[in-house]
């Protein structure tokens, strides 16, 4: 039997997604991550606009106005670009 103590780490968290911030902006989406990660940006119609790696830190990706599904690592978010 395995026992876990309060405050004890019992799993591994993906640092790329644990420190991820995704925000829609004026003509771009801003992605802030704690570690280099794979990013996919799709329209609501399923068209892939961007598929690649982004660097640690702040990344701005230019996009036309619209609503997008952004996947960073294993985390997905819906954002609006205006």
C-alpha atoms as a PDB file:
ATOM      1  CA  UNK A   1       0.000   0.000   0.000  1.00  0.00           C
ATOM      2  CA  UNK A   2       1.218   3.494  -0.839  1.00  0.00           C
ATOM      3  CA  UNK A   3       0.499   6.366   1.544  1.00  0.00           C
ATOM      4  CA  UNK A   4       0.739  10.028   0.637  1.00  0.00           C
ATOM      5  CA  UNK A   5       1.534  12.633   3.233  1.00  0.00           C
ATOM      6  CA  UNK A   6      -0.044  16.112   3.094  1.00  0.00           C
ATOM      7  CA  UNK A   7       2.112  18.416   0.996  1.00  0.00           C
ATOM      8  CA  UNK A   8       4.015  15.516  -0.561  1.00  0.00           C
ATOM      9  CA  UNK A   9       4.403  15.529  -4.333  1.00  0.00           C
ATOM     10  CA  UNK A  10       2.887  12.324  -5.704  1.00  0.00           C
ATOM     11  CA  UNK A  11       2.957  13.054  -9.435  1.00  0.00           C
ATOM     12  CA  UNK A  12       4.835  14.848 -12.149  1.00  0.00           C
ATOM     13  CA  UNK A  13       3.343  18.033 -13.523  1.00  0.00           C
ATOM     14  CA  UNK A  14       4.200  19.276 -17.000  1.00  0.00           C
ATOM     15  CA  UNK A  15       6.051  22.575 -16.430  1.00  0.00           C
ATOM     16  CA  UNK A  16       5.123  23.832 -19.893  1.00  0.00           C
ATOM     17  CA  UNK A  17       1.422  23.729 -19.054  1.00  0.00           C
ATOM     18  CA  UNK A  18       1.623  24.438 -15.308  1.00  0.00           C
ATOM     19  CA  UNK A  19       3.081  27.882 -16.043  1.00  0.00           C
ATOM     20  CA  UNK A  20       1.052  28.607 -19.170  1.00  0.00           C
ATOM     21  CA  UNK A  21      -0.897  31.801 -19.788  1.00  0.00           C
ATOM     22  CA  UNK A  22      -2.847  32.223 -23.042  1.00  0.00           C
ATOM     23  CA  UNK A  23      -4.531  35.536 -23.889  1.00  0.00           C
ATOM     24  CA  UNK A  24      -6.225  36.884 -26.983  1.00  0.00           C
ATOM     25  CA  UNK A  25      -5.225  40.371 -27.982  1.00  0.00           C
ATOM     26  CA  UNK A  26      -5.378  43.016 -30.665  1.00  0.00           C
ATOM     27  CA  UNK A  27      -4.311  41.110 -33.792  1.00  0.00           C
ATOM     28  CA  UNK A  28      -2.429  38.424 -31.904  1.00  0.00           C
ATOM     29  CA  UNK A  29      -2.497  35.763 -29.239  1.00  0.00           C
ATOM     30  CA  UNK A  30      -0.018  36.015 -26.366  1.00  0.00           C
ATOM     31  CA  UNK A  31       1.349  32.756 -24.959  1.00  0.00           C
ATOM     32  CA  UNK A  32       3.547  32.797 -21.877  1.00  0.00           C
ATOM     33  CA  UNK A  33       5.075  29.448 -20.928  1.00  0.00           C
ATOM     34  CA  UNK A  34       7.587  28.141 -18.420  1.00  0.00           C
ATOM     35  CA  UNK A  35       9.266  25.703 -20.818  1.00  0.00           C
ATOM     36  CA  UNK A  36       9.548  25.214 -24.591  1.00  0.00           C
ATOM     37  CA  UNK A  37       6.325  23.546 -25.813  1.00  0.00           C
ATOM     38  CA  UNK A  38       4.386  22.375 -28.849  1.00  0.00           C
ATOM     39  CA  UNK A  39       1.572  24.755 -29.793  1.00  0.00           C
ATOM     40  CA  UNK A  40      -1.318  24.195 -32.187  1.00  0.00           C
ATOM     41  CA  UNK A  41      -3.782  26.941 -33.131  1.00  0.00           C
ATOM     42  CA  UNK A  42      -7.022  25.963 -34.875  1.00  0.00           C
ATOM     43  CA  UNK A  43     -10.047  27.912 -36.050  1.00  0.00           C
ATOM     44  CA  UNK A  44     -13.460  26.804 -34.795  1.00  0.00           C
ATOM     45  CA  UNK A  45     -13.861  25.110 -38.199  1.00  0.00           C
ATOM     46  CA  UNK A  46     -10.854  22.872 -37.448  1.00  0.00           C
ATOM     47  CA  UNK A  47      -8.407  24.585 -39.795  1.00  0.00           C
ATOM     48  CA  UNK A  48      -4.863  24.569 -38.385  1.00  0.00           C
ATOM     49  CA  UNK A  49      -3.375  28.075 -38.454  1.00  0.00           C
ATOM     50  CA  UNK A  50      -0.163  27.342 -36.521  1.00  0.00           C
ATOM     51  CA  UNK A  51       1.577  24.097 -35.543  1.00  0.00           C
ATOM     52  CA  UNK A  52       5.036  24.339 -34.049  1.00  0.00           C
ATOM     53  CA  UNK A  53       7.181  24.915 -30.983  1.00  0.00           C
ATOM     54  CA  UNK A  54       7.356  28.141 -29.017  1.00  0.00           C
ATOM     55  CA  UNK A  55      10.176  29.252 -26.763  1.00  0.00           C
ATOM     56  CA  UNK A  56      10.146  29.671 -23.009  1.00  0.00           C
ATOM     57  CA  UNK A  57       8.774  33.063 -21.967  1.00  0.00           C
ATOM     58  CA  UNK A  58       6.447  35.440 -23.804  1.00  0.00           C
ATOM     59  CA  UNK A  59       5.401  34.651 -27.371  1.00  0.00           C
ATOM     60  CA  UNK A  60       3.098  36.744 -29.575  1.00  0.00           C
ATOM     61  CA  UNK A  61       1.615  35.054 -32.643  1.00  0.00           C
ATOM     62  CA  UNK A  62      -0.120  37.345 -35.160  1.00  0.00           C
ATOM     63  CA  UNK A  63      -3.624  36.225 -36.163  1.00  0.00           C
ATOM     64  CA  UNK A  64      -6.611  37.776 -37.911  1.00  0.00           C
ATOM     65  CA  UNK A  65      -9.665  38.608 -35.787  1.00  0.00           C
ATOM     66  CA  UNK A  66     -11.615  35.543 -34.737  1.00  0.00           C
ATOM     67  CA  UNK A  67     -12.071  32.783 -32.172  1.00  0.00           C
ATOM     68  CA  UNK A  68      -9.362  30.122 -31.900  1.00  0.00           C
ATOM     69  CA  UNK A  69      -8.683  26.894 -30.033  1.00  0.00           C
ATOM     70  CA  UNK A  70      -5.104  26.926 -28.778  1.00  0.00           C
ATOM     71  CA  UNK A  71      -3.405  23.784 -27.517  1.00  0.00           C
ATOM     72  CA  UNK A  72      -0.184  24.131 -25.514  1.00  0.00           C
ATOM     73  CA  UNK A  73       1.165  20.739 -24.505  1.00  0.00           C
ATOM     74  CA  UNK A  74      -1.895  18.908 -23.130  1.00  0.00           C
ATOM     75  CA  UNK A  75      -3.879  22.048 -22.277  1.00  0.00           C
ATOM     76  CA  UNK A  76      -6.433  23.627 -24.620  1.00  0.00           C
ATOM     77  CA  UNK A  77      -8.041  27.078 -24.405  1.00  0.00           C
ATOM     78  CA  UNK A  78     -10.487  29.082 -26.487  1.00  0.00           C
ATOM     79  CA  UNK A  79      -9.425  32.691 -27.137  1.00  0.00           C
ATOM     80  CA  UNK A  80     -10.748  35.711 -29.006  1.00  0.00           C
ATOM     81  CA  UNK A  81      -8.456  37.835 -31.168  1.00  0.00           C
ATOM     82  CA  UNK A  82      -9.864  41.289 -31.978  1.00  0.00           C
END
